[in-house]
Protein backbone atom coordinates (compact mmCIF):
# COMPACT_ATOMS: atom_id res chain seq x y z
CA MET A 1 -51.51 0.22 -42.72
CA LEU A 2 -52.19 3.18 -44.93
CA ARG A 3 -49.26 5.49 -45.59
CA ARG A 4 -49.85 9.15 -45.00
CA THR A 5 -46.74 10.53 -46.83
CA LYS A 6 -46.98 10.36 -50.58
CA ILE A 7 -44.36 9.02 -52.94
CA VAL A 8 -43.45 10.86 -56.16
CA ALA A 9 -41.50 8.97 -58.78
CA THR A 10 -39.78 10.39 -61.80
CA LEU A 11 -40.34 8.57 -65.07
CA GLY A 12 -37.45 7.74 -67.51
CA PRO A 13 -35.82 4.83 -69.31
CA ALA A 14 -35.81 2.60 -66.20
CA SER A 15 -39.59 3.05 -65.72
CA SER A 16 -40.77 3.22 -69.33
CA ASP A 17 -41.82 -0.44 -69.55
CA GLN A 18 -45.53 -0.97 -68.81
CA LYS A 19 -44.92 -3.85 -66.50
CA VAL A 20 -42.32 -1.99 -64.52
CA LEU A 21 -44.49 1.03 -64.23
CA GLU A 22 -47.43 -1.16 -62.98
CA GLN A 23 -45.05 -2.80 -60.35
CA MET A 24 -43.99 0.73 -59.24
CA ILE A 25 -47.59 1.72 -58.76
CA ARG A 26 -48.39 -1.45 -56.84
CA ALA A 27 -45.22 -0.85 -54.77
CA GLY A 28 -46.63 2.53 -53.60
CA VAL A 29 -46.19 5.31 -56.08
CA ASP A 30 -48.81 7.98 -55.69
CA VAL A 31 -47.82 10.54 -58.19
CA VAL A 32 -45.44 10.33 -61.31
CA ARG A 33 -43.21 13.14 -62.35
CA MET A 34 -42.78 13.76 -66.03
CA ASN A 35 -39.55 15.69 -66.64
CA PHE A 36 -40.18 18.05 -69.59
CA SER A 37 -36.41 18.63 -69.95
CA HIS A 38 -36.45 15.39 -72.00
CA GLY A 39 -38.87 14.28 -74.73
CA THR A 40 -41.35 15.73 -77.19
CA ALA A 41 -44.97 16.64 -76.73
CA GLN A 42 -45.90 13.30 -78.34
CA ASP A 43 -43.62 11.46 -75.90
CA HIS A 44 -45.27 13.17 -72.99
CA MET A 45 -48.81 12.35 -74.21
CA ALA A 46 -47.89 8.67 -74.90
CA ARG A 47 -46.36 8.50 -71.38
CA ALA A 48 -49.41 9.93 -69.76
CA ASP A 49 -51.63 7.35 -71.48
CA LYS A 50 -49.27 4.62 -70.27
CA VAL A 51 -49.32 5.89 -66.59
CA ARG A 52 -53.17 5.84 -66.59
CA ALA A 53 -53.38 2.43 -68.15
CA ALA A 54 -50.95 1.06 -65.57
CA ALA A 55 -52.83 2.78 -62.74
CA LYS A 56 -56.09 1.26 -63.95
CA ALA A 57 -54.51 -2.22 -64.16
CA ALA A 58 -53.22 -1.76 -60.59
CA GLY A 59 -56.57 -0.52 -59.38
CA ARG A 60 -55.20 2.73 -58.15
CA THR A 61 -55.57 6.49 -58.87
CA ILE A 62 -52.23 8.09 -59.75
CA GLY A 63 -51.54 11.84 -60.09
CA ILE A 64 -49.37 13.39 -62.86
CA LEU A 65 -46.80 16.17 -62.22
CA ALA A 66 -45.54 17.89 -65.22
CA ASP A 67 -42.10 19.49 -64.43
CA LEU A 68 -41.03 22.39 -66.71
CA GLN A 69 -37.35 22.58 -67.73
CA GLY A 70 -36.85 26.30 -66.97
CA PRO A 71 -33.88 28.32 -68.19
CA LYS A 72 -30.82 26.41 -69.49
CA ILE A 73 -28.03 27.85 -67.45
CA ARG A 74 -25.31 25.55 -68.74
CA VAL A 75 -22.06 25.18 -70.54
CA ARG A 76 -22.26 23.72 -74.03
CA LYS A 77 -20.33 20.75 -75.38
CA PHE A 78 -16.54 19.88 -75.62
CA GLU A 79 -14.50 18.45 -78.41
CA ASN A 80 -13.82 15.30 -76.39
CA ASP A 81 -16.99 15.43 -74.23
CA LYS A 82 -15.08 16.57 -71.11
CA ILE A 83 -11.93 18.31 -69.72
CA VAL A 84 -10.05 18.22 -66.48
CA LEU A 85 -9.35 21.54 -64.81
CA ASN A 86 -6.88 22.11 -61.95
CA LYS A 87 -6.75 24.78 -59.33
CA GLY A 88 -5.18 27.94 -60.73
CA ASP A 89 -6.05 27.27 -64.31
CA ALA A 90 -7.43 30.07 -66.51
CA PHE A 91 -10.72 29.30 -68.27
CA ILE A 92 -13.15 31.30 -70.37
CA LEU A 93 -16.94 30.92 -70.52
CA ASP A 94 -17.75 32.25 -73.91
CA ALA A 95 -21.32 33.22 -74.85
CA SER A 96 -20.43 33.79 -78.44
CA LEU A 97 -18.71 30.43 -79.12
CA ASP A 98 -20.83 28.26 -81.36
CA GLY A 99 -18.35 25.50 -81.77
CA LEU A 100 -17.13 22.83 -79.45
CA GLY A 101 -15.21 23.74 -76.27
CA ASN A 102 -11.64 22.84 -75.42
CA GLN A 103 -9.17 23.11 -72.50
CA GLN A 104 -9.18 26.94 -72.61
CA ARG A 105 -12.92 27.83 -73.26
CA VAL A 106 -16.48 26.50 -73.75
CA GLY A 107 -19.65 27.98 -75.13
CA LEU A 108 -22.80 28.83 -73.13
CA ASP A 109 -26.58 28.03 -73.49
CA TYR A 110 -27.20 31.08 -71.28
CA LYS A 111 -26.06 33.95 -73.42
CA GLU A 112 -26.70 36.61 -70.73
CA LEU A 113 -23.98 35.38 -68.30
CA PRO A 114 -21.52 38.16 -69.15
CA ASN A 115 -24.09 40.72 -68.16
CA ASP A 116 -24.86 38.98 -64.84
CA VAL A 117 -21.39 38.73 -63.38
CA ASP A 118 -18.52 41.02 -62.26
CA VAL A 119 -14.98 40.67 -61.18
CA GLY A 120 -15.04 38.55 -57.95
CA THR A 121 -18.30 36.79 -58.73
CA VAL A 122 -18.20 33.14 -57.66
CA LEU A 123 -19.58 30.63 -60.21
CA LEU A 124 -20.37 26.98 -59.23
CA LEU A 125 -20.49 24.28 -61.95
CA ASN A 126 -21.72 20.77 -62.07
CA ASP A 127 -23.81 20.97 -58.84
CA GLY A 128 -20.92 22.92 -57.11
CA MET A 129 -18.29 20.37 -57.83
CA LEU A 130 -16.15 23.10 -59.59
CA GLU A 131 -15.76 26.67 -58.44
CA PHE A 132 -14.66 29.56 -60.72
CA HIS A 133 -13.88 33.10 -59.66
CA VAL A 134 -14.49 35.73 -62.26
CA THR A 135 -11.35 37.84 -63.06
CA GLY A 136 -12.87 39.87 -65.86
CA VAL A 137 -15.58 40.30 -68.46
CA LYS A 138 -14.55 41.12 -72.07
CA GLY A 139 -17.51 41.43 -74.36
CA THR A 140 -19.12 38.03 -74.53
CA GLU A 141 -16.25 36.37 -72.64
CA VAL A 142 -16.28 35.66 -68.87
CA HIS A 143 -12.66 35.12 -67.86
CA CYS A 144 -12.24 32.94 -64.79
CA VAL A 145 -9.64 31.30 -62.57
CA VAL A 146 -10.31 27.74 -61.23
CA VAL A 147 -10.44 27.70 -57.41
CA ARG A 148 -11.80 24.09 -57.18
CA GLY A 149 -10.96 21.91 -60.03
CA GLY A 150 -12.28 18.63 -61.43
CA VAL A 151 -13.97 17.16 -64.48
CA LEU A 152 -16.14 19.49 -66.48
CA SER A 153 -18.29 17.64 -69.11
CA ASN A 154 -20.88 18.50 -71.64
CA ASN A 155 -24.05 20.50 -70.66
CA LYS A 156 -23.15 20.89 -66.96
CA GLY A 157 -25.05 23.55 -64.97
CA ILE A 158 -23.92 26.90 -63.80
CA ASN A 159 -24.90 28.64 -60.55
CA ARG A 160 -23.89 31.93 -59.12
CA LYS A 161 -23.16 31.74 -55.52
CA GLY A 162 -25.69 33.78 -53.60
CA GLY A 163 -27.95 34.05 -56.60
CA GLY A 164 -28.17 36.94 -59.14
CA LEU A 165 -28.64 35.31 -62.59
CA THR A 166 -31.44 37.11 -64.45
CA ALA A 167 -32.72 34.23 -66.51
CA PRO A 168 -36.56 34.37 -66.67
CA ALA A 169 -38.31 31.45 -65.00
CA LEU A 170 -40.46 30.74 -68.04
CA THR A 171 -38.70 30.21 -71.40
CA ASP A 172 -40.35 29.95 -74.84
CA LYS A 173 -39.99 26.19 -74.49
CA ASP A 174 -41.74 26.24 -71.11
CA LYS A 175 -44.65 28.22 -72.63
CA GLU A 176 -45.13 25.54 -75.26
CA ASP A 177 -44.73 22.75 -72.67
CA ILE A 178 -47.53 24.39 -70.60
CA LYS A 179 -49.87 23.76 -73.51
CA THR A 180 -48.77 20.08 -73.57
CA ALA A 181 -49.36 19.84 -69.83
CA ALA A 182 -52.85 21.19 -70.30
CA LEU A 183 -53.40 18.73 -73.17
CA ILE A 184 -52.55 15.63 -71.10
CA LYS A 185 -54.53 17.09 -68.11
CA ALA A 186 -51.59 17.11 -65.69
CA ASP A 187 -52.65 17.44 -62.14
CA TYR A 188 -49.75 19.52 -61.18
CA LEU A 189 -47.41 21.90 -63.07
CA ALA A 190 -44.00 22.52 -61.50
CA VAL A 191 -42.21 25.78 -62.44
CA SER A 192 -38.43 25.66 -62.30
CA PHE A 193 -36.35 28.54 -60.84
CA PRO A 194 -39.16 31.05 -59.97
CA ARG A 195 -37.86 34.24 -58.40
CA SER A 196 -41.03 35.89 -57.44
CA ALA A 197 -44.81 35.58 -57.17
CA ASP A 198 -45.16 37.14 -60.59
CA ASP A 199 -43.47 34.08 -62.23
CA MET A 200 -46.11 31.79 -60.74
CA LYS A 201 -48.94 34.22 -61.66
CA MET A 202 -47.70 34.16 -65.21
CA ALA A 203 -47.61 30.37 -65.28
CA ARG A 204 -51.13 30.23 -64.00
CA GLU A 205 -52.39 32.63 -66.67
CA LEU A 206 -50.66 30.56 -69.43
CA MET A 207 -52.20 27.41 -67.98
CA HIS A 208 -55.65 28.83 -67.96
CA ALA A 209 -55.23 30.24 -71.43
CA ALA A 210 -54.30 26.65 -72.63
CA GLY A 211 -57.50 25.38 -71.04
CA GLY A 212 -55.68 23.51 -68.25
CA LYS A 213 -56.56 23.17 -64.63
CA SER A 214 -53.30 21.96 -63.15
CA LEU A 215 -52.45 23.02 -59.65
CA LEU A 216 -49.24 25.26 -59.66
CA MET A 217 -46.02 24.10 -57.91
CA ALA A 218 -43.12 26.39 -57.33
CA LYS A 219 -39.71 24.69 -57.19
CA ILE A 220 -37.67 26.59 -54.62
CA GLU A 221 -34.13 26.44 -55.97
CA ARG A 222 -32.99 30.03 -56.32
CA ALA A 223 -31.39 32.17 -53.61
CA GLU A 224 -33.65 35.10 -54.66
CA ALA A 225 -36.71 32.99 -53.85
CA ILE A 226 -35.86 32.72 -50.12
CA PRO A 227 -36.54 36.39 -49.07
CA VAL A 228 -39.88 36.33 -50.92
CA LEU A 229 -40.81 32.79 -50.04
CA ALA A 230 -44.16 33.83 -48.33
CA GLU A 231 -45.28 35.70 -51.50
CA ILE A 232 -44.36 32.78 -53.70
CA ILE A 233 -46.24 30.30 -51.55
CA ASP A 234 -49.30 32.55 -51.58
CA ALA A 235 -49.14 32.60 -55.43
CA CYS A 236 -49.16 28.87 -55.88
CA ASP A 237 -50.82 25.69 -54.68
CA ALA A 238 -47.70 23.73 -53.74
CA ILE A 239 -43.88 24.01 -53.44
CA MET A 240 -41.03 21.72 -53.95
CA VAL A 241 -38.00 21.92 -51.71
CA ALA A 242 -35.56 21.34 -54.62
CA ARG A 243 -32.45 20.85 -52.65
CA GLY A 244 -29.99 20.49 -55.56
CA ASP A 245 -29.66 23.91 -57.14
CA LEU A 246 -30.82 25.54 -53.84
CA SER A 247 -27.89 23.92 -52.02
CA VAL A 248 -25.45 25.23 -54.61
CA GLU A 249 -26.74 28.76 -54.42
CA VAL A 250 -27.23 29.14 -50.61
CA GLY A 251 -24.74 26.54 -49.33
CA ASP A 252 -25.34 23.03 -48.39
CA ALA A 253 -25.35 23.76 -44.58
CA ALA A 254 -28.29 26.09 -44.90
CA VAL A 255 -30.61 23.82 -46.68
CA PRO A 256 -31.80 21.51 -43.73
CA GLY A 257 -32.96 24.53 -41.78
CA LEU A 258 -34.68 25.93 -44.92
CA GLN A 259 -36.30 22.60 -45.63
CA LYS A 260 -37.98 22.74 -42.15
CA LYS A 261 -38.93 26.37 -42.65
CA MET A 262 -40.56 25.90 -46.03
CA ILE A 263 -42.50 22.75 -44.86
CA LYS A 264 -43.83 24.64 -41.84
CA MET A 265 -44.75 27.68 -43.96
CA ALA A 266 -46.48 25.77 -46.68
CA ARG A 267 -48.65 23.78 -44.27
CA ALA A 268 -49.53 26.95 -42.35
CA LYS A 269 -50.74 28.54 -45.60
CA ASN A 270 -52.69 25.39 -46.50
CA LYS A 271 -50.42 24.60 -49.38
CA LEU A 272 -48.72 21.27 -50.44
CA VAL A 273 -44.98 20.55 -50.16
CA ILE A 274 -42.69 17.98 -51.80
CA THR A 275 -39.16 17.31 -50.49
CA ALA A 276 -36.79 16.32 -53.31
CA THR A 277 -33.23 15.64 -54.53
CA GLN A 278 -30.92 12.62 -53.77
CA MET A 279 -33.24 11.12 -51.20
CA MET A 280 -32.27 7.65 -52.10
CA GLU A 281 -29.38 8.45 -54.48
CA SER A 282 -27.38 5.33 -53.69
CA MET A 283 -30.20 3.15 -54.84
CA ILE A 284 -29.45 4.12 -58.50
CA THR A 285 -26.93 1.31 -58.38
CA ASN A 286 -27.53 -0.41 -55.09
CA PRO A 287 -30.60 -2.52 -53.92
CA ILE A 288 -30.77 -1.04 -50.40
CA PRO A 289 -30.27 2.61 -49.16
CA THR A 290 -27.58 3.97 -46.96
CA ARG A 291 -28.40 4.69 -43.28
CA ALA A 292 -27.98 8.41 -44.02
CA GLU A 293 -30.67 8.13 -46.75
CA VAL A 294 -33.10 6.30 -44.40
CA SER A 295 -32.58 9.20 -41.90
CA ASP A 296 -33.00 11.81 -44.56
CA VAL A 297 -36.36 10.44 -45.78
CA ALA A 298 -37.60 9.86 -42.12
CA ASN A 299 -36.70 13.30 -41.15
CA ALA A 300 -38.63 14.84 -44.05
CA VAL A 301 -41.68 12.91 -42.91
CA LEU A 302 -41.13 14.09 -39.35
CA ASP A 303 -40.90 17.66 -40.68
CA GLY A 304 -44.36 17.19 -42.02
CA THR A 305 -43.74 17.00 -45.81
CA ASP A 306 -46.72 15.94 -47.92
CA ALA A 307 -44.54 13.89 -50.26
CA VAL A 308 -40.98 12.70 -50.79
CA MET A 309 -39.69 12.48 -54.36
CA LEU A 310 -37.39 10.17 -56.32
CA SER A 311 -35.57 11.49 -59.33
CA ALA A 312 -32.78 9.42 -61.03
CA GLU A 313 -33.52 6.53 -58.72
CA THR A 314 -36.61 5.69 -60.68
CA ALA A 315 -35.82 7.41 -63.99
CA VAL A 316 -32.49 5.73 -64.80
CA GLY A 317 -31.74 3.54 -61.67
CA ASP A 318 -31.20 -0.21 -61.60
CA TYR A 319 -33.78 -0.70 -58.84
CA PRO A 320 -36.86 1.48 -59.35
CA VAL A 321 -39.33 -0.92 -57.71
CA GLU A 322 -37.08 -1.74 -54.83
CA THR A 323 -36.38 1.92 -54.20
CA ILE A 324 -40.16 2.61 -53.89
CA GLU A 325 -40.60 -0.33 -51.50
CA ALA A 326 -37.82 0.93 -49.38
CA MET A 327 -39.12 4.52 -49.27
CA ASP A 328 -42.58 3.14 -48.44
CA ARG A 329 -41.13 1.14 -45.49
CA ILE A 330 -39.22 4.17 -44.20
CA CYS A 331 -42.21 6.48 -44.39
CA LEU A 332 -44.49 4.09 -42.56
CA SER A 333 -41.97 3.63 -39.76
CA ALA A 334 -41.48 7.35 -39.29
CA GLU A 335 -45.09 8.09 -39.27
CA LYS A 336 -45.51 6.02 -36.19
CA GLU A 337 -43.59 8.60 -34.32
CA THR A 338 -45.96 11.40 -35.35
CA GLU A 339 -49.42 9.93 -35.10
CA GLY A 340 -52.12 11.93 -33.44
CA SER A 341 -50.15 15.12 -33.05
CA LEU A 342 -52.35 18.30 -32.86
CA ILE A 343 -49.53 20.45 -31.36
CA ASP A 344 -49.67 24.06 -32.33
CA HIS A 345 -53.17 23.72 -33.60
CA ARG A 346 -55.82 25.00 -31.23
CA LEU A 347 -59.29 26.08 -32.11
CA ASP A 348 -59.04 29.24 -30.03
CA HIS A 349 -55.98 30.25 -32.05
CA SER A 350 -57.57 29.64 -35.44
CA GLN A 351 -59.57 31.99 -37.69
CA PHE A 352 -61.83 30.44 -40.16
CA LYS A 353 -63.05 32.49 -43.08
CA ARG A 354 -65.25 29.76 -44.68
CA VAL A 355 -67.93 27.41 -43.40
CA ASP A 356 -66.29 24.44 -45.16
CA GLN A 357 -63.00 25.16 -43.51
CA SER A 358 -64.49 25.25 -40.10
CA ILE A 359 -66.29 21.89 -40.74
CA ALA A 360 -63.01 20.40 -41.78
CA MET A 361 -61.30 21.52 -38.63
CA SER A 362 -64.26 20.39 -36.54
CA ALA A 363 -64.00 16.90 -38.06
CA LEU A 364 -60.31 16.73 -37.08
CA TYR A 365 -60.83 17.68 -33.61
CA ALA A 366 -63.76 15.34 -33.20
CA ALA A 367 -61.61 12.55 -34.61
CA SER A 368 -58.90 13.32 -32.19
CA HIS A 369 -61.09 13.03 -29.16
CA PHE A 370 -62.78 9.76 -30.12
CA LYS A 371 -61.47 6.37 -31.31
CA VAL A 372 -62.29 7.09 -34.88
CA LYS A 373 -61.39 4.67 -37.56
CA ALA A 374 -61.66 7.15 -40.47
CA ILE A 375 -62.51 10.69 -41.59
CA VAL A 376 -64.69 10.77 -44.66
CA ALA A 377 -64.89 13.84 -46.85
CA LEU A 378 -67.58 13.80 -49.52
CA THR A 379 -66.10 16.48 -51.73
CA GLN A 380 -66.31 18.05 -55.20
CA SER A 381 -63.20 20.16 -55.35
CA GLY A 382 -61.12 18.48 -52.67
CA SER A 383 -60.74 21.65 -50.53
CA THR A 384 -62.23 19.99 -47.38
CA ALA A 385 -59.74 17.14 -47.71
CA LEU A 386 -56.91 19.56 -48.24
CA TRP A 387 -57.68 21.50 -45.07
CA MET A 388 -57.95 18.32 -43.11
CA SER A 389 -54.59 17.07 -44.47
CA ARG A 390 -52.76 20.20 -43.02
CA ILE A 391 -53.08 18.76 -39.56
CA ASN A 392 -52.04 15.17 -38.65
CA ALA A 393 -54.80 13.73 -36.42
CA GLY A 394 -53.39 10.17 -36.89
CA THR A 395 -56.54 9.14 -38.74
CA PRO A 396 -56.84 8.23 -42.45
CA ILE A 397 -58.92 10.64 -44.52
CA PHE A 398 -60.89 9.29 -47.46
CA ALA A 399 -61.85 11.84 -50.16
CA MET A 400 -64.97 10.36 -51.85
CA THR A 401 -65.84 12.14 -54.92
CA PRO A 402 -67.31 11.57 -58.45
CA MET A 403 -64.87 14.08 -59.92
CA GLU A 404 -61.99 12.33 -61.77
CA ALA A 405 -59.84 15.55 -61.55
CA THR A 406 -60.26 15.78 -57.79
CA LEU A 407 -59.42 12.05 -57.35
CA SER A 408 -56.05 12.44 -59.01
CA LYS A 409 -55.27 15.82 -57.36
CA VAL A 410 -55.65 14.46 -53.81
CA THR A 411 -53.08 11.81 -54.46
CA LEU A 412 -50.51 14.36 -53.29
CA PHE A 413 -52.45 15.46 -50.14
CA SER A 414 -50.79 14.03 -47.02
CA GLY A 415 -53.03 11.42 -45.32
CA VAL A 416 -55.67 11.61 -47.95
CA HIS A 417 -56.76 8.55 -49.99
CA PRO A 418 -59.02 8.91 -53.05
CA ILE A 419 -62.14 6.87 -53.54
CA ALA A 420 -64.45 7.25 -56.59
CA PHE A 421 -67.92 7.58 -55.31
CA THR A 422 -71.20 8.68 -56.91
CA SER A 423 -74.52 9.08 -55.10
CA ASP A 424 -77.88 9.04 -56.98
CA SER A 425 -79.57 10.84 -54.07
CA LYS A 426 -80.02 14.60 -53.47
CA ASP A 427 -80.70 13.83 -49.74
CA TYR A 428 -77.41 14.24 -47.90
CA SER A 429 -78.36 11.73 -45.23
CA VAL A 430 -78.91 9.08 -47.79
CA THR A 431 -75.63 9.98 -49.53
CA LEU A 432 -73.78 9.50 -46.17
CA ARG A 433 -75.36 6.05 -45.73
CA GLN A 434 -74.29 5.10 -49.21
CA ALA A 435 -70.74 6.33 -48.66
CA GLU A 436 -70.55 4.46 -45.37
CA ASP A 437 -71.68 1.26 -47.16
CA GLU A 438 -69.12 1.75 -49.91
CA LEU A 439 -66.27 2.17 -47.32
CA ALA A 440 -67.36 -1.09 -45.70
CA ARG A 441 -67.47 -2.81 -48.99
CA LEU A 442 -63.95 -1.76 -49.78
CA GLY A 443 -62.82 -3.03 -46.41
CA MET A 444 -61.70 0.31 -45.07
CA VAL A 445 -64.09 0.16 -42.08
CA GLU A 446 -66.01 -2.57 -40.30
CA GLU A 447 -69.34 -2.75 -38.52
CA GLY A 448 -69.11 -1.03 -35.20
CA ASP A 449 -66.22 1.29 -36.22
CA LEU A 450 -66.75 5.00 -35.41
CA ILE A 451 -66.25 7.32 -38.40
CA VAL A 452 -66.50 11.16 -38.91
CA MET A 453 -68.18 12.22 -42.12
CA THR A 454 -68.49 15.65 -43.78
CA VAL A 455 -70.85 16.63 -46.60
CA GLY A 456 -72.72 19.66 -48.07
CA GLU A 457 -76.42 19.73 -47.79
CA SER A 458 -76.38 20.99 -51.41
CA ILE A 459 -75.12 17.74 -52.95
CA GLY A 460 -72.84 18.07 -55.93
CA LYS A 461 -71.73 21.74 -55.33
CA ALA A 462 -68.16 22.66 -54.68
CA GLY A 463 -67.46 24.67 -51.58
CA HIS A 464 -70.78 23.88 -49.90
CA THR A 465 -69.52 21.46 -47.18
CA ASN A 466 -71.52 22.52 -44.07
CA THR A 467 -72.34 19.29 -42.17
CA MET A 468 -70.35 16.94 -39.96
CA LYS A 469 -71.79 13.77 -38.64
CA ILE A 470 -70.20 11.10 -36.30
CA VAL A 471 -71.42 7.68 -37.32
CA ARG A 472 -71.22 4.11 -35.99
CA VAL A 473 -70.73 1.86 -39.03
CA GLY A 474 -73.73 -0.45 -39.58
CA GLU A 475 -76.13 1.27 -37.26
CA HIS A 476 -78.37 2.69 -39.96
CA LYS A 477 -79.12 -0.90 -41.10
CA LYS A 478 -80.49 -1.75 -37.60
CA SER A 479 -82.97 1.08 -37.56
């Protein structure tokens, strides 16, 4: 059974071995995430080569997601690596402190914090584990009282409750890393902490200037991003529901509703969406997930996410392969509850601005009214397959293309499976027959199966899909 929901796995020490990486790909990884918070440009280039070699050995196409670090809104280091703070303790966040911190104060990577807070501002540290209330600002010092205490260790993050930190989404490091992402031909570039559509537009300009063609992904993790969510989605190709920092800024109870809203909005705008953060967190140290984690992954699938993402589970966890196998199993089971749903998608409510989009929708509706084994999109850019993937018709979609970049990009499209295919004919009817034969050769369809195929009469040109054909596999050999 082909899985519709895609699995994104973060690379790290636990997944750096070539054999482990190949096992992960065979277990079901569709896209790998390279976290640019760690490593050098040379490290990233070597890792990309290793991923592609492992994918080739496994006989699969794997996408690469380059994830920018974004602004470092963190405390610096302590003399003894950590301190314990109790409720009522006074503590200073000192932007001018260059040395190591102690029980009374600590330095900041984010030097603008004193300008971004006032008396009464609530600061949340270490993913919200600690809560500070600002009692005063004196020059570079932010004076706080501890409201919720605990352990504060080196380099822990800082969030302002409700948002309001002015750190730019793209740092100087990010701008250099965009060049590296272009160099390794990353399929997707994720921008951390965008606050507006302008942040995404700048990232796209920098990517194009570097000669890259990555699709842009906005990580929704700032409170400021929520009111302008529609504009941000319009300015990018995909979004990530980054539930960690978002939960700290807007409150954990608000995130499930926002997750559903973001997935729905992204799909309605023909954009991709990943659901991320702590999906299988317990499997960092355990061989099986908790029941709550199983429900979390399944609910993201039921919400309509294109992909579910693993972070520490595959980057530093003890069971990277087992985690992917578990996620694969959960996704397949959840998808059985959603197959064939065309609710809220009616032709009389839809407005098509392009011929190729109308052909994509026609193929979906034809597939939903016949017992169709597969939908086949012969595509150059992947746009037809993307539009098809926005509605779950319960039928696998095969994106057949000679374009290597398109093959790896569609690895993130829900329900779409890449197949390398080249036709030597300029006659679209001949090309369709060749594609049909290739699907049969690969065992994706059998003689007598009904399939829906889309193609452009102008073979080899992007955006020219204008033909849909319903085909009975094998019939052309009898005529």
